């Protein structure tokens, strides 16, 4: 009962904060646990780990530009103990999207899921599958325009648990180039305010040599009867535009770069696109 009261209070806090705001400013949309649309068993285990309902291809079409993939030893995508298709499905979806577009660049983060071993020679596999598209790990990337990076189109961040990290200058990027401050909570206002706090501690986008993401998500907790991802993340899902507005109000909008969500939708992408366009046009 105490936990339910806390959740209710925090949801009201965000609602109160939203009143009177005009969130018209908006960055790059990122999917959290991107390849979980077919994870687990439908209506049995899937609701506990499913963070997206669209395929990787359809997420990219919708506007996602940062993809979060977790793998286990046999190159299958997983979330905790639940499994889905092989990572080749993800890579084929990316290549299909590239075949239909000309100047879209994505960040592909692939990590070995906690509690699992690294897939053998996975770095070589990624290089073989994405070689022609890979943007090499190089600090000068942050000084270039998209036009200068093309026809290369993927910044692939590989985060193994035990295998050696990708080396500077190579085709894969090490984990230090994609940072965040993960707050493990199912309380929406706590997550919202923590995200603002940590974002405010980052250098401005134009002066840093790494990508930083903010997670507009909350996580099911064992002390609460609601353990399925969708209803829990729904507590914060609709406040992405409010978060962007608060970044401007609190003077940290120049630090906002990647905004992540479960169950990506058009409104979330529109908010990110709007901010990006405003920045390009010099309106913010």
C-alpha atoms as a PDB file:
ATOM      1  CA  UNK A   1       0.000   0.000   0.000  1.00  0.00           C
ATOM      2  CA  UNK A   2       2.839   2.398   0.799  1.00  0.00           C
ATOM      3  CA  UNK A   3       4.418   1.724  -2.594  1.00  0.00           C
ATOM      4  CA  UNK A   4       1.141   2.355  -4.399  1.00  0.00           C
ATOM      5  CA  UNK A   5       0.755   5.654  -2.536  1.00  0.00           C
ATOM      6  CA  UNK A   6       4.292   6.661  -3.523  1.00  0.00           C
ATOM      7  CA  UNK A   7       3.619   5.880  -7.173  1.00  0.00           C
ATOM      8  CA  UNK A   8       0.361   7.842  -7.110  1.00  0.00           C
ATOM      9  CA  UNK A   9       2.088  10.829  -5.505  1.00  0.00           C
ATOM     10  CA  UNK A  10       4.923  10.818  -8.044  1.00  0.00           C
ATOM     11  CA  UNK A  11       2.543  10.558 -10.999  1.00  0.00           C
ATOM     12  CA  UNK A  12       0.646  13.566  -9.626  1.00  0.00           C
ATOM     13  CA  UNK A  13       3.934  15.459  -9.302  1.00  0.00           C
ATOM     14  CA  UNK A  14       4.623  15.012 -13.007  1.00  0.00           C
ATOM     15  CA  UNK A  15       1.055  15.936 -13.916  1.00  0.00           C
ATOM     16  CA  UNK A  16       1.313  19.132 -11.874  1.00  0.00           C
ATOM     17  CA  UNK A  17       4.659  19.954 -13.491  1.00  0.00           C
ATOM     18  CA  UNK A  18       3.158  19.460 -16.935  1.00  0.00           C
ATOM     19  CA  UNK A  19       0.328  21.930 -16.430  1.00  0.00           C
ATOM     20  CA  UNK A  20       1.089  25.221 -18.102  1.00  0.00           C
ATOM     21  CA  UNK A  21       4.119  23.908 -20.043  1.00  0.00           C
ATOM     22  CA  UNK A  22       4.362  24.327 -23.815  1.00  0.00           C
ATOM     23  CA  UNK A  23       6.796  21.583 -24.914  1.00  0.00           C
ATOM     24  CA  UNK A  24       7.588  22.576 -28.481  1.00  0.00           C
ATOM     25  CA  UNK A  25      11.366  22.137 -28.259  1.00  0.00           C
ATOM     26  CA  UNK A  26      12.836  18.778 -28.941  1.00  0.00           C
ATOM     27  CA  UNK A  27      17.131  15.195 -30.326  1.00  0.00           C
ATOM     28  CA  UNK A  28      17.718  11.617 -31.339  1.00  0.00           C
ATOM     29  CA  UNK A  29      15.111   9.007 -30.442  1.00  0.00           C
ATOM     30  CA  UNK A  30      16.450   5.798 -28.977  1.00  0.00           C
ATOM     31  CA  UNK A  31      14.639   2.528 -28.288  1.00  0.00           C
ATOM     32  CA  UNK A  32      15.293   0.837 -24.965  1.00  0.00           C
ATOM     33  CA  UNK A  33      15.761  -2.966 -25.276  1.00  0.00           C
ATOM     34  CA  UNK A  34      15.019  -2.608 -28.956  1.00  0.00           C
ATOM     35  CA  UNK A  35      14.731  -6.204 -30.151  1.00  0.00           C
ATOM     36  CA  UNK A  36      12.212  -7.496 -27.611  1.00  0.00           C
ATOM     37  CA  UNK A  37       9.114  -7.390 -29.827  1.00  0.00           C
ATOM     38  CA  UNK A  38       8.985 -11.203 -30.018  1.00  0.00           C
ATOM     39  CA  UNK A  39      10.759 -12.122 -26.790  1.00  0.00           C
ATOM     40  CA  UNK A  40       9.495 -14.931 -24.540  1.00  0.00           C
ATOM     41  CA  UNK A  41       6.131 -16.667 -24.843  1.00  0.00           C
ATOM     42  CA  UNK A  42       3.087 -14.589 -25.861  1.00  0.00           C
ATOM     43  CA  UNK A  43       0.707 -13.846 -22.948  1.00  0.00           C
ATOM     44  CA  UNK A  44       2.946 -15.904 -20.597  1.00  0.00           C
ATOM     45  CA  UNK A  45       6.477 -14.529 -20.196  1.00  0.00           C
ATOM     46  CA  UNK A  46       6.546 -11.873 -22.948  1.00  0.00           C
ATOM     47  CA  UNK A  47       4.810  -9.071 -20.987  1.00  0.00           C
ATOM     48  CA  UNK A  48       7.509  -9.235 -18.304  1.00  0.00           C
ATOM     49  CA  UNK A  49      10.372  -8.442 -20.697  1.00  0.00           C
ATOM     50  CA  UNK A  50       8.868  -6.920 -23.837  1.00  0.00           C
ATOM     51  CA  UNK A  51       9.969  -3.283 -24.128  1.00  0.00           C
ATOM     52  CA  UNK A  52       9.091  -2.775 -27.796  1.00  0.00           C
ATOM     53  CA  UNK A  53       6.263  -4.089 -29.965  1.00  0.00           C
ATOM     54  CA  UNK A  54       7.739  -3.219 -33.380  1.00  0.00           C
ATOM     55  CA  UNK A  55      10.499  -4.924 -35.368  1.00  0.00           C
ATOM     56  CA  UNK A  56      13.860  -3.167 -35.630  1.00  0.00           C
ATOM     57  CA  UNK A  57      13.045  -2.237 -39.235  1.00  0.00           C
ATOM     58  CA  UNK A  58       9.743  -0.618 -38.303  1.00  0.00           C
ATOM     59  CA  UNK A  59      11.331   1.180 -35.358  1.00  0.00           C
ATOM     60  CA  UNK A  60      13.900   2.673 -37.743  1.00  0.00           C
ATOM     61  CA  UNK A  61      11.174   3.660 -40.203  1.00  0.00           C
ATOM     62  CA  UNK A  62       9.285   5.319 -37.362  1.00  0.00           C
ATOM     63  CA  UNK A  63      12.325   7.424 -36.505  1.00  0.00           C
ATOM     64  CA  UNK A  64      14.529   5.557 -34.035  1.00  0.00           C
ATOM     65  CA  UNK A  65      18.218   6.266 -34.592  1.00  0.00           C
ATOM     66  CA  UNK A  66      19.839   4.574 -31.576  1.00  0.00           C
ATOM     67  CA  UNK A  67      19.293   0.831 -31.119  1.00  0.00           C
ATOM     68  CA  UNK A  68      19.881  -1.086 -27.858  1.00  0.00           C
ATOM     69  CA  UNK A  69      20.541  -4.830 -28.350  1.00  0.00           C
ATOM     70  CA  UNK A  70      21.414  -7.446 -25.683  1.00  0.00           C
ATOM     71  CA  UNK A  71      22.884 -10.810 -26.751  1.00  0.00           C
ATOM     72  CA  UNK A  72      23.923 -14.095 -25.178  1.00  0.00           C
ATOM     73  CA  UNK A  73      26.492 -16.768 -26.023  1.00  0.00           C
ATOM     74  CA  UNK A  74      24.777 -18.148 -29.151  1.00  0.00           C
ATOM     75  CA  UNK A  75      24.174 -14.691 -30.712  1.00  0.00           C
ATOM     76  CA  UNK A  76      20.500 -14.740 -29.805  1.00  0.00           C
ATOM     77  CA  UNK A  77      18.935 -11.547 -28.524  1.00  0.00           C
ATOM     78  CA  UNK A  78      17.826 -11.762 -24.893  1.00  0.00           C
ATOM     79  CA  UNK A  79      16.480  -9.735 -21.989  1.00  0.00           C
ATOM     80  CA  UNK A  80      17.408 -11.372 -18.720  1.00  0.00           C
ATOM     81  CA  UNK A  81      16.592 -15.080 -19.025  1.00  0.00           C
ATOM     82  CA  UNK A  82      14.127 -14.652 -21.901  1.00  0.00           C
ATOM     83  CA  UNK A  83      15.193 -15.203 -25.504  1.00  0.00           C
ATOM     84  CA  UNK A  84      14.079 -14.127 -28.955  1.00  0.00           C
ATOM     85  CA  UNK A  85      15.475 -14.331 -32.496  1.00  0.00           C
ATOM     86  CA  UNK A  86      19.120 -14.300 -33.555  1.00  0.00           C
ATOM     87  CA  UNK A  87      21.016 -11.023 -33.885  1.00  0.00           C
ATOM     88  CA  UNK A  88      21.190 -11.636 -37.655  1.00  0.00           C
ATOM     89  CA  UNK A  89      17.502 -10.609 -37.791  1.00  0.00           C
ATOM     90  CA  UNK A  90      18.453  -7.245 -36.282  1.00  0.00           C
ATOM     91  CA  UNK A  91      21.327  -6.703 -38.708  1.00  0.00           C
ATOM     92  CA  UNK A  92      19.211  -7.690 -41.707  1.00  0.00           C
ATOM     93  CA  UNK A  93      16.536  -5.199 -40.643  1.00  0.00           C
ATOM     94  CA  UNK A  94      19.173  -2.466 -40.427  1.00  0.00           C
ATOM     95  CA  UNK A  95      20.511  -3.314 -43.885  1.00  0.00           C
ATOM     96  CA  UNK A  96      16.991  -3.346 -45.300  1.00  0.00           C
ATOM     97  CA  UNK A  97      16.410   0.133 -43.890  1.00  0.00           C
ATOM     98  CA  UNK A  98      19.702   1.345 -45.378  1.00  0.00           C
ATOM     99  CA  UNK A  99      18.731  -0.036 -48.780  1.00  0.00           C
ATOM    100  CA  UNK A 100      15.656   2.229 -48.732  1.00  0.00           C
ATOM    101  CA  UNK A 101      17.377   5.402 -47.478  1.00  0.00           C
ATOM    102  CA  UNK A 102      20.435   7.417 -48.410  1.00  0.00           C
ATOM    103  CA  UNK A 103      21.645   9.610 -45.554  1.00  0.00           C
ATOM    104  CA  UNK A 104      20.358   8.121 -42.290  1.00  0.00           C
ATOM    105  CA  UNK A 105      23.028   7.314 -39.692  1.00  0.00           C
ATOM    106  CA  UNK A 106      22.336   5.153 -36.628  1.00  0.00           C
ATOM    107  CA  UNK A 107      24.092   4.229 -33.408  1.00  0.00           C
ATOM    108  CA  UNK A 108      23.892   0.481 -32.807  1.00  0.00           C
ATOM    109  CA  UNK A 109      24.708  -0.550 -29.243  1.00  0.00           C
ATOM    110  CA  UNK A 110      25.220  -4.271 -28.723  1.00  0.00           C
ATOM    111  CA  UNK A 111      26.140  -5.642 -25.328  1.00  0.00           C
ATOM    112  CA  UNK A 112      26.415  -9.040 -23.707  1.00  0.00           C
ATOM    113  CA  UNK A 113      23.466  -9.363 -21.342  1.00  0.00           C
ATOM    114  CA  UNK A 114      24.249  -9.515 -17.613  1.00  0.00           C
ATOM    115  CA  UNK A 115      24.872 -13.088 -16.460  1.00  0.00           C
ATOM    116  CA  UNK A 116      25.831 -14.345 -19.930  1.00  0.00           C
ATOM    117  CA  UNK A 117      29.105 -15.040 -21.704  1.00  0.00           C
ATOM    118  CA  UNK A 118      30.267 -13.124 -24.777  1.00  0.00           C
ATOM    119  CA  UNK A 119      29.447 -14.731 -28.137  1.00  0.00           C
ATOM    120  CA  UNK A 120      32.714 -16.174 -29.550  1.00  0.00           C
ATOM    121  CA  UNK A 121      34.485 -13.872 -32.029  1.00  0.00           C
ATOM    122  CA  UNK A 122      31.473 -11.588 -32.070  1.00  0.00           C
ATOM    123  CA  UNK A 123      33.526  -8.544 -33.044  1.00  0.00           C
ATOM    124  CA  UNK A 124      34.631 -10.276 -36.239  1.00  0.00           C
ATOM    125  CA  UNK A 125      31.035 -11.266 -36.947  1.00  0.00           C
ATOM    126  CA  UNK A 126      29.860  -7.653 -36.643  1.00  0.00           C
ATOM    127  CA  UNK A 127      32.635  -6.456 -38.922  1.00  0.00           C
ATOM    128  CA  UNK A 128      31.724  -9.061 -41.534  1.00  0.00           C
ATOM    129  CA  UNK A 129      28.017  -8.201 -41.410  1.00  0.00           C
ATOM    130  CA  UNK A 130      28.288  -4.400 -41.313  1.00  0.00           C
ATOM    131  CA  UNK A 131      31.754  -3.729 -42.713  1.00  0.00           C
ATOM    132  CA  UNK A 132      30.750  -1.436 -45.576  1.00  0.00           C
ATOM    133  CA  UNK A 133      28.597   0.696 -43.246  1.00  0.00           C
ATOM    134  CA  UNK A 134      30.856   0.950 -40.182  1.00  0.00           C
ATOM    135  CA  UNK A 135      32.107   4.363 -39.081  1.00  0.00           C
ATOM    136  CA  UNK A 136      35.452   3.728 -37.361  1.00  0.00           C
ATOM    137  CA  UNK A 137      36.116   4.679 -33.739  1.00  0.00           C
ATOM    138  CA  UNK A 138      37.685   8.092 -34.105  1.00  0.00           C
ATOM    139  CA  UNK A 139      37.303  11.280 -32.062  1.00  0.00           C
ATOM    140  CA  UNK A 140      37.271  13.325 -35.275  1.00  0.00           C
ATOM    141  CA  UNK A 141      33.771  11.946 -35.950  1.00  0.00           C
ATOM    142  CA  UNK A 142      32.418  14.491 -33.478  1.00  0.00           C
ATOM    143  CA  UNK A 143      33.777  17.304 -35.634  1.00  0.00           C
ATOM    144  CA  UNK A 144      32.253  16.091 -38.905  1.00  0.00           C
ATOM    145  CA  UNK A 145      28.885  16.518 -40.556  1.00  0.00           C
ATOM    146  CA  UNK A 146      26.716  13.614 -41.672  1.00  0.00           C
ATOM    147  CA  UNK A 147      27.612  14.393 -45.279  1.00  0.00           C
ATOM    148  CA  UNK A 148      31.297  13.950 -44.409  1.00  0.00           C
ATOM    149  CA  UNK A 149      30.648  10.545 -42.810  1.00  0.00           C
ATOM    150  CA  UNK A 150      28.629   9.080 -45.672  1.00  0.00           C
ATOM    151  CA  UNK A 151      28.532   6.482 -47.204  1.00  0.00           C
ATOM    152  CA  UNK A 152      29.454   4.996 -43.801  1.00  0.00           C
ATOM    153  CA  UNK A 153      26.261   4.852 -41.733  1.00  0.00           C
ATOM    154  CA  UNK A 154      26.685   2.921 -38.465  1.00  0.00           C
ATOM    155  CA  UNK A 155      28.450   3.763 -35.229  1.00  0.00           C
ATOM    156  CA  UNK A 156      28.509   0.279 -33.707  1.00  0.00           C
ATOM    157  CA  UNK A 157      29.220   0.257 -29.963  1.00  0.00           C
ATOM    158  CA  UNK A 158      30.205  -3.255 -28.833  1.00  0.00           C
ATOM    159  CA  UNK A 159      30.169  -3.871 -25.067  1.00  0.00           C
ATOM    160  CA  UNK A 160      31.488  -7.349 -24.235  1.00  0.00           C
ATOM    161  CA  UNK A 161      31.569  -8.519 -20.639  1.00  0.00           C
ATOM    162  CA  UNK A 162      34.919 -10.357 -20.701  1.00  0.00           C
ATOM    163  CA  UNK A 163      36.339 -10.097 -24.231  1.00  0.00           C
ATOM    164  CA  UNK A 164      38.723  -7.220 -25.053  1.00  0.00           C
ATOM    165  CA  UNK A 165      37.123  -3.840 -25.699  1.00  0.00           C
ATOM    166  CA  UNK A 166      37.271  -2.451 -29.259  1.00  0.00           C
ATOM    167  CA  UNK A 167      40.498  -0.588 -29.924  1.00  0.00           C
ATOM    168  CA  UNK A 168      40.786   3.079 -30.964  1.00  0.00           C
ATOM    169  CA  UNK A 169      40.751   3.519 -34.714  1.00  0.00           C
ATOM    170  CA  UNK A 170      38.995   0.195 -35.308  1.00  0.00           C
ATOM    171  CA  UNK A 171      35.610  -0.403 -36.946  1.00  0.00           C
ATOM    172  CA  UNK A 172      33.790  -0.915 -33.605  1.00  0.00           C
ATOM    173  CA  UNK A 173      33.420   1.577 -30.768  1.00  0.00           C
ATOM    174  CA  UNK A 174      34.082   0.887 -27.090  1.00  0.00           C
ATOM    175  CA  UNK A 175      31.482   1.376 -24.353  1.00  0.00           C
ATOM    176  CA  UNK A 176      33.005   4.613 -23.082  1.00  0.00           C
ATOM    177  CA  UNK A 177      31.649   6.445 -26.110  1.00  0.00           C
ATOM    178  CA  UNK A 178      28.019   5.807 -25.122  1.00  0.00           C
ATOM    179  CA  UNK A 179      27.321   6.788 -21.531  1.00  0.00           C
ATOM    180  CA  UNK A 180      24.292   7.043 -19.258  1.00  0.00           C
ATOM    181  CA  UNK A 181      23.319   7.085 -15.598  1.00  0.00           C
ATOM    182  CA  UNK A 182      20.901   4.225 -15.105  1.00  0.00           C
ATOM    183  CA  UNK A 183      18.475   4.735 -12.203  1.00  0.00           C
ATOM    184  CA  UNK A 184      16.733   1.473 -11.302  1.00  0.00           C
ATOM    185  CA  UNK A 185      13.314   2.565 -10.043  1.00  0.00           C
ATOM    186  CA  UNK A 186       9.615   2.273 -10.846  1.00  0.00           C
ATOM    187  CA  UNK A 187       8.871   5.732  -9.405  1.00  0.00           C
ATOM    188  CA  UNK A 188       8.324   8.138 -12.329  1.00  0.00           C
ATOM    189  CA  UNK A 189       9.105  11.464 -10.679  1.00  0.00           C
ATOM    190  CA  UNK A 190      12.213  10.032  -9.010  1.00  0.00           C
ATOM    191  CA  UNK A 191      13.472   8.870 -12.413  1.00  0.00           C
ATOM    192  CA  UNK A 192      12.477  12.145 -14.092  1.00  0.00           C
ATOM    193  CA  UNK A 193      14.328  14.327 -11.589  1.00  0.00           C
ATOM    194  CA  UNK A 194      17.354  12.019 -11.463  1.00  0.00           C
ATOM    195  CA  UNK A 195      17.590  12.177 -15.248  1.00  0.00           C
ATOM    196  CA  UNK A 196      17.593  15.986 -15.123  1.00  0.00           C
ATOM    197  CA  UNK A 197      20.202  16.004 -12.373  1.00  0.00           C
ATOM    198  CA  UNK A 198      22.642  13.706 -14.169  1.00  0.00           C
ATOM    199  CA  UNK A 199      22.076  15.388 -17.519  1.00  0.00           C
ATOM    200  CA  UNK A 200      22.923  18.730 -15.943  1.00  0.00           C
ATOM    201  CA  UNK A 201      26.282  17.315 -14.830  1.00  0.00           C
ATOM    202  CA  UNK A 202      27.346  16.483 -18.411  1.00  0.00           C
ATOM    203  CA  UNK A 203      29.381  18.761 -20.684  1.00  0.00           C
ATOM    204  CA  UNK A 204      27.440  20.452 -23.509  1.00  0.00           C
ATOM    205  CA  UNK A 205      27.006  18.318 -26.632  1.00  0.00           C
ATOM    206  CA  UNK A 206      29.341  20.507 -28.704  1.00  0.00           C
ATOM    207  CA  UNK A 207      32.270  20.081 -26.305  1.00  0.00           C
ATOM    208  CA  UNK A 208      32.197  16.358 -25.443  1.00  0.00           C
ATOM    209  CA  UNK A 209      33.679  13.361 -27.245  1.00  0.00           C
ATOM    210  CA  UNK A 210      31.041  10.813 -26.329  1.00  0.00           C
ATOM    211  CA  UNK A 211      27.305  10.230 -26.698  1.00  0.00           C
ATOM    212  CA  UNK A 212      25.078  10.575 -23.627  1.00  0.00           C
ATOM    213  CA  UNK A 213      21.576   9.147 -23.298  1.00  0.00           C
ATOM    214  CA  UNK A 214      18.681   9.805 -20.980  1.00  0.00           C
ATOM    215  CA  UNK A 215      16.235   6.974 -20.225  1.00  0.00           C
ATOM    216  CA  UNK A 216      12.584   8.052 -20.212  1.00  0.00           C
ATOM    217  CA  UNK A 217      11.736   4.679 -18.664  1.00  0.00           C
ATOM    218  CA  UNK A 218      10.985   3.140 -15.296  1.00  0.00           C
ATOM    219  CA  UNK A 219      11.624  -0.471 -14.348  1.00  0.00           C
ATOM    220  CA  UNK A 220       9.392  -3.095 -12.690  1.00  0.00           C
ATOM    221  CA  UNK A 221      10.465  -3.829  -9.110  1.00  0.00           C
ATOM    222  CA  UNK A 222      10.037  -6.986  -7.058  1.00  0.00           C
ATOM    223  CA  UNK A 223       8.302  -5.123  -4.201  1.00  0.00           C
ATOM    224  CA  UNK A 224       5.371  -4.151  -6.419  1.00  0.00           C
ATOM    225  CA  UNK A 225       2.634  -6.460  -7.761  1.00  0.00           C
ATOM    226  CA  UNK A 226       2.849  -4.897 -11.249  1.00  0.00           C
ATOM    227  CA  UNK A 227       5.812  -6.590 -12.930  1.00  0.00           C
ATOM    228  CA  UNK A 228       4.928  -6.235 -16.633  1.00  0.00           C
ATOM    229  CA  UNK A 229       6.965  -3.618 -18.468  1.00  0.00           C
ATOM    230  CA  UNK A 230       4.203  -1.796 -20.346  1.00  0.00           C
ATOM    231  CA  UNK A 231       1.998  -0.628 -17.452  1.00  0.00           C
ATOM    232  CA  UNK A 232       5.039   0.279 -15.373  1.00  0.00           C
ATOM    233  CA  UNK A 233       6.798   2.282 -18.074  1.00  0.00           C
ATOM    234  CA  UNK A 234       3.451   3.929 -18.834  1.00  0.00           C
ATOM    235  CA  UNK A 235       3.925   5.932 -15.638  1.00  0.00           C
ATOM    236  CA  UNK A 236       6.612   8.052 -17.337  1.00  0.00           C
ATOM    237  CA  UNK A 237       6.125   7.291 -21.041  1.00  0.00           C
ATOM    238  CA  UNK A 238       3.992  10.326 -21.818  1.00  0.00           C
ATOM    239  CA  UNK A 239       6.339  12.849 -20.205  1.00  0.00           C
ATOM    240  CA  UNK A 240       9.089  12.971 -22.850  1.00  0.00           C
ATOM    241  CA  UNK A 241       7.972  16.387 -24.125  1.00  0.00           C
ATOM    242  CA  UNK A 242       7.762  17.651 -20.562  1.00  0.00           C
ATOM    243  CA  UNK A 243      11.312  16.435 -19.983  1.00  0.00           C
ATOM    244  CA  UNK A 244      12.545  18.350 -23.031  1.00  0.00           C
ATOM    245  CA  UNK A 245      10.776  21.485 -21.837  1.00  0.00           C
ATOM    246  CA  UNK A 246      12.280  21.130 -18.368  1.00  0.00           C
ATOM    247  CA  UNK A 247      15.734  20.807 -19.918  1.00  0.00           C
ATOM    248  CA  UNK A 248      15.232  24.300 -21.357  1.00  0.00           C
ATOM    249  CA  UNK A 249      13.720  25.659 -18.157  1.00  0.00           C
ATOM    250  CA  UNK A 250      16.624  24.371 -16.080  1.00  0.00           C
ATOM    251  CA  UNK A 251      19.379  25.367 -18.497  1.00  0.00           C
ATOM    252  CA  UNK A 252      20.605  21.929 -19.590  1.00  0.00           C
ATOM    253  CA  UNK A 253      19.019  21.615 -23.043  1.00  0.00           C
ATOM    254  CA  UNK A 254      22.449  21.986 -24.666  1.00  0.00           C
ATOM    255  CA  UNK A 255      23.385  18.676 -23.018  1.00  0.00           C
ATOM    256  CA  UNK A 256      20.428  16.653 -24.331  1.00  0.00           C
ATOM    257  CA  UNK A 257      21.413  14.318 -27.147  1.00  0.00           C
ATOM    258  CA  UNK A 258      19.811  10.857 -26.938  1.00  0.00           C
ATOM    259  CA  UNK A 259      16.398  10.347 -25.357  1.00  0.00           C
ATOM    260  CA  UNK A 260      15.370   6.731 -24.813  1.00  0.00           C
ATOM    261  CA  UNK A 261      11.965   5.125 -24.364  1.00  0.00           C
ATOM    262  CA  UNK A 262      10.104   1.829 -24.270  1.00  0.00           C
ATOM    263  CA  UNK A 263       7.332   1.287 -26.860  1.00  0.00           C
ATOM    264  CA  UNK A 264       8.405   4.101 -29.159  1.00  0.00           C
ATOM    265  CA  UNK A 265       5.602   6.088 -30.792  1.00  0.00           C
ATOM    266  CA  UNK A 266       5.157   8.905 -33.293  1.00  0.00           C
ATOM    267  CA  UNK A 267       4.718  11.654 -30.710  1.00  0.00           C
ATOM    268  CA  UNK A 268       8.005  10.761 -29.023  1.00  0.00           C
ATOM    269  CA  UNK A 269       9.849  10.827 -32.349  1.00  0.00           C
ATOM    270  CA  UNK A 270       8.157  14.092 -33.374  1.00  0.00           C
ATOM    271  CA  UNK A 271       9.380  15.709 -30.163  1.00  0.00           C
ATOM    272  CA  UNK A 272      12.980  14.651 -30.867  1.00  0.00           C
ATOM    273  CA  UNK A 273      12.793  15.682 -34.526  1.00  0.00           C
ATOM    274  CA  UNK A 274      11.335  19.046 -33.555  1.00  0.00           C
ATOM    275  CA  UNK A 275      14.259  19.858 -31.269  1.00  0.00           C
ATOM    276  CA  UNK A 276      16.790  18.716 -33.835  1.00  0.00           C
ATOM    277  CA  UNK A 277      15.220  20.856 -36.557  1.00  0.00           C
ATOM    278  CA  UNK A 278      15.062  23.869 -34.258  1.00  0.00           C
ATOM    279  CA  UNK A 279      18.743  23.477 -33.468  1.00  0.00           C
ATOM    280  CA  UNK A 280      19.668  23.213 -37.160  1.00  0.00           C
ATOM    281  CA  UNK A 281      17.659  26.337 -37.919  1.00  0.00           C
ATOM    282  CA  UNK A 282      19.232  28.225 -35.012  1.00  0.00           C
ATOM    283  CA  UNK A 283      15.944  28.739 -33.179  1.00  0.00           C
ATOM    284  CA  UNK A 284      17.194  27.325 -29.847  1.00  0.00           C
END
